[in-house]
N, C-alpha and C. Protein backbone atom coordinates (compact mmCIF):
# COMPACT_ATOMS: atom_id res chain seq x y z
N MET A 1 120.19 83.92 63.83
CA MET A 1 120.14 82.64 64.52
C MET A 1 120.05 81.53 63.48
N GLU A 2 120.84 80.51 63.68
CA GLU A 2 120.81 79.37 62.77
C GLU A 2 119.53 78.57 62.99
N ASN A 3 119.06 77.93 61.93
CA ASN A 3 117.84 77.13 62.04
C ASN A 3 117.98 76.00 63.05
N SER A 4 119.18 75.47 63.22
CA SER A 4 119.37 74.34 64.12
C SER A 4 119.13 74.72 65.58
N TYR A 5 119.22 76.02 65.90
CA TYR A 5 119.00 76.47 67.28
C TYR A 5 117.72 77.28 67.42
N LYS A 6 116.85 77.19 66.45
CA LYS A 6 115.57 77.87 66.51
C LYS A 6 114.73 77.25 67.63
N PHE A 7 114.07 78.10 68.41
CA PHE A 7 113.29 77.63 69.55
C PHE A 7 112.37 76.48 69.15
N GLY A 8 112.40 75.44 69.95
CA GLY A 8 111.52 74.30 69.75
C GLY A 8 112.07 73.21 68.84
N THR A 9 113.24 73.43 68.23
CA THR A 9 113.82 72.41 67.36
C THR A 9 114.67 71.45 68.17
N LYS A 10 115.05 70.35 67.57
CA LYS A 10 115.91 69.38 68.26
C LYS A 10 117.27 69.98 68.58
N GLY A 11 117.79 70.82 67.69
CA GLY A 11 119.06 71.48 67.94
C GLY A 11 118.99 72.39 69.15
N TRP A 12 117.90 73.12 69.25
CA TRP A 12 117.71 74.00 70.40
C TRP A 12 117.61 73.17 71.68
N LEU A 13 116.85 72.08 71.63
CA LEU A 13 116.67 71.22 72.80
C LEU A 13 118.01 70.65 73.27
N ARG A 14 118.83 70.17 72.33
CA ARG A 14 120.16 69.63 72.70
C ARG A 14 121.03 70.70 73.34
N GLU A 15 121.02 71.90 72.77
CA GLU A 15 121.82 72.99 73.32
C GLU A 15 121.31 73.38 74.71
N ASN A 16 120.02 73.41 74.89
CA ASN A 16 119.45 73.75 76.19
C ASN A 16 119.80 72.70 77.24
N GLU A 17 119.75 71.43 76.86
CA GLU A 17 120.13 70.35 77.78
C GLU A 17 121.61 70.43 78.15
N ARG A 18 122.46 70.75 77.17
CA ARG A 18 123.90 70.90 77.43
C ARG A 18 124.14 72.04 78.42
N ARG A 19 123.46 73.14 78.20
CA ARG A 19 123.62 74.30 79.07
C ARG A 19 123.16 73.98 80.50
N GLN A 20 122.06 73.25 80.65
CA GLN A 20 121.56 72.88 81.97
C GLN A 20 122.54 71.94 82.69
N LYS A 21 123.12 71.00 81.96
CA LYS A 21 124.10 70.10 82.57
C LYS A 21 125.31 70.88 83.09
N LEU A 22 125.77 71.86 82.30
CA LEU A 22 126.89 72.69 82.75
C LEU A 22 126.53 73.46 84.01
N MET A 23 125.33 74.04 84.05
CA MET A 23 124.91 74.79 85.23
C MET A 23 124.82 73.88 86.46
N ASP A 24 124.36 72.65 86.27
CA ASP A 24 124.29 71.71 87.39
C ASP A 24 125.69 71.39 87.93
N ILE A 25 126.65 71.23 87.02
CA ILE A 25 128.03 70.98 87.42
C ILE A 25 128.59 72.18 88.18
N TRP A 26 128.38 73.37 87.63
CA TRP A 26 128.88 74.59 88.27
C TRP A 26 128.25 74.79 89.64
N TYR A 27 126.97 74.47 89.77
CA TYR A 27 126.24 74.62 91.03
C TYR A 27 126.94 73.81 92.14
N ILE A 28 127.31 72.59 91.80
CA ILE A 28 128.00 71.74 92.77
C ILE A 28 129.43 72.22 92.99
N GLU A 29 130.13 72.58 91.91
CA GLU A 29 131.52 73.07 92.03
C GLU A 29 131.61 74.29 92.93
N CYS A 30 130.61 75.15 92.88
CA CYS A 30 130.61 76.38 93.67
C CYS A 30 130.11 76.15 95.10
N GLY A 31 129.66 74.94 95.41
CA GLY A 31 129.25 74.59 96.77
C GLY A 31 127.88 75.08 97.16
N ARG A 32 127.04 75.40 96.20
CA ARG A 32 125.71 75.92 96.52
C ARG A 32 124.78 74.84 97.07
N HIS A 33 125.18 73.60 96.98
CA HIS A 33 124.36 72.48 97.44
C HIS A 33 124.70 72.04 98.86
N LEU A 34 125.73 72.61 99.46
CA LEU A 34 126.23 72.14 100.76
C LEU A 34 125.38 72.60 101.93
N LYS A 35 125.30 71.73 102.94
CA LYS A 35 124.58 72.03 104.17
C LYS A 35 125.55 71.97 105.35
N ASP A 36 125.21 72.70 106.41
CA ASP A 36 126.01 72.62 107.63
C ASP A 36 125.51 71.45 108.48
N SER A 37 126.05 71.31 109.69
CA SER A 37 125.70 70.18 110.54
C SER A 37 124.23 70.21 110.98
N GLU A 38 123.59 71.37 110.92
CA GLU A 38 122.19 71.48 111.31
C GLU A 38 121.24 71.32 110.13
N GLY A 39 121.79 71.08 108.94
CA GLY A 39 120.96 70.89 107.76
C GLY A 39 120.60 72.16 107.01
N ASN A 40 121.23 73.28 107.38
CA ASN A 40 120.98 74.54 106.70
C ASN A 40 121.96 74.70 105.54
N TYR A 41 121.47 75.23 104.44
CA TYR A 41 122.34 75.48 103.31
C TYR A 41 123.31 76.60 103.64
N THR A 42 124.57 76.43 103.26
CA THR A 42 125.62 77.37 103.68
C THR A 42 125.91 78.46 102.66
N HIS A 43 125.54 78.27 101.43
CA HIS A 43 125.86 79.26 100.40
C HIS A 43 124.77 80.33 100.36
N PRO A 44 125.15 81.60 100.33
CA PRO A 44 124.13 82.66 100.33
C PRO A 44 123.23 82.66 99.10
N GLN A 45 123.65 82.01 98.03
CA GLN A 45 122.83 81.96 96.82
C GLN A 45 122.31 80.56 96.53
N HIS A 46 122.16 79.75 97.57
CA HIS A 46 121.60 78.40 97.38
C HIS A 46 120.23 78.53 96.74
N GLY A 47 119.95 77.66 95.78
CA GLY A 47 118.64 77.65 95.15
C GLY A 47 118.51 78.58 93.97
N THR A 48 119.56 79.33 93.66
CA THR A 48 119.51 80.22 92.50
C THR A 48 120.67 79.92 91.56
N TYR A 49 120.49 80.32 90.33
CA TYR A 49 121.57 80.20 89.34
C TYR A 49 122.15 81.57 89.02
N THR A 50 121.69 82.61 89.72
CA THR A 50 122.17 83.97 89.49
C THR A 50 123.66 84.05 89.79
N GLY A 51 124.43 84.55 88.84
CA GLY A 51 125.86 84.72 89.03
C GLY A 51 126.67 83.44 88.99
N LEU A 52 126.04 82.35 88.67
CA LEU A 52 126.70 81.04 88.73
C LEU A 52 127.86 80.93 87.75
N ALA A 53 127.68 81.36 86.52
CA ALA A 53 128.75 81.26 85.51
C ALA A 53 129.95 82.09 85.94
N LYS A 54 129.71 83.29 86.46
CA LYS A 54 130.82 84.14 86.90
C LYS A 54 131.56 83.49 88.07
N GLU A 55 130.81 82.97 89.03
CA GLU A 55 131.43 82.34 90.19
C GLU A 55 132.23 81.10 89.78
N ALA A 56 131.69 80.29 88.89
CA ALA A 56 132.39 79.09 88.42
C ALA A 56 133.66 79.48 87.67
N ASN A 57 133.58 80.50 86.82
CA ASN A 57 134.76 80.94 86.08
C ASN A 57 135.82 81.48 87.01
N CYS A 58 135.42 82.18 88.06
CA CYS A 58 136.38 82.71 89.02
C CYS A 58 137.07 81.56 89.77
N LYS A 59 136.28 80.58 90.19
CA LYS A 59 136.88 79.44 90.88
C LYS A 59 137.85 78.69 89.98
N LEU A 60 137.48 78.50 88.72
CA LEU A 60 138.37 77.84 87.76
C LEU A 60 139.65 78.66 87.59
N SER A 61 139.51 79.95 87.46
CA SER A 61 140.67 80.84 87.30
C SER A 61 141.57 80.75 88.52
N GLN A 62 140.98 80.74 89.70
CA GLN A 62 141.77 80.65 90.94
C GLN A 62 142.52 79.32 90.98
N ASN A 63 141.84 78.24 90.60
CA ASN A 63 142.48 76.93 90.62
C ASN A 63 143.64 76.86 89.64
N LEU A 64 143.45 77.45 88.46
CA LEU A 64 144.50 77.42 87.44
C LEU A 64 145.69 78.28 87.82
N HIS A 65 145.47 79.32 88.60
CA HIS A 65 146.53 80.24 88.96
C HIS A 65 146.95 80.08 90.42
N GLY A 66 146.70 78.95 90.99
CA GLY A 66 147.12 78.67 92.35
C GLY A 66 146.47 79.53 93.41
N GLY A 67 145.24 79.95 93.16
CA GLY A 67 144.52 80.74 94.15
C GLY A 67 144.93 82.20 94.21
N THR A 68 145.67 82.66 93.21
CA THR A 68 146.20 84.03 93.26
C THR A 68 145.27 85.06 92.65
N ARG A 69 144.14 84.66 92.08
CA ARG A 69 143.28 85.61 91.36
C ARG A 69 142.00 85.93 92.10
N GLU A 70 141.90 85.62 93.36
CA GLU A 70 140.66 85.84 94.10
C GLU A 70 140.22 87.30 94.07
N ALA A 71 141.15 88.21 94.25
CA ALA A 71 140.80 89.64 94.27
C ALA A 71 140.33 90.11 92.90
N ASP A 72 140.79 89.49 91.84
CA ASP A 72 140.44 89.92 90.50
C ASP A 72 139.01 89.56 90.13
N CYS A 73 138.44 88.57 90.76
CA CYS A 73 137.11 88.10 90.31
C CYS A 73 136.22 87.75 91.48
N SER A 74 136.32 88.47 92.55
CA SER A 74 135.49 88.16 93.71
C SER A 74 134.03 88.37 93.40
N THR A 75 133.22 87.38 93.77
CA THR A 75 131.78 87.48 93.60
C THR A 75 131.12 87.72 94.96
N GLY A 76 131.93 87.79 96.00
CA GLY A 76 131.39 87.93 97.33
C GLY A 76 131.01 86.60 97.96
N ASN A 77 131.15 85.52 97.21
CA ASN A 77 130.76 84.20 97.70
C ASN A 77 131.92 83.23 97.77
N ASN A 78 133.07 83.64 97.33
CA ASN A 78 134.18 82.68 97.28
C ASN A 78 135.29 83.09 98.15
């Protein structure tokens, strides 16, 4: 591990903040924040970040390939 990313350093803090911002973006992109008309969250994994990177990558892959890759990377949520 490089010294710049050693736990508790400014480099580590910047990297951790960058990672959190990406997860927040992916959370919204994957629709985990959406509610139905009754105010209930619609995504089965609302409130968790489990599987978020995989789901976001699958959605990006589907978008880039015109929706043709759904079977290749199904997470059960898309």
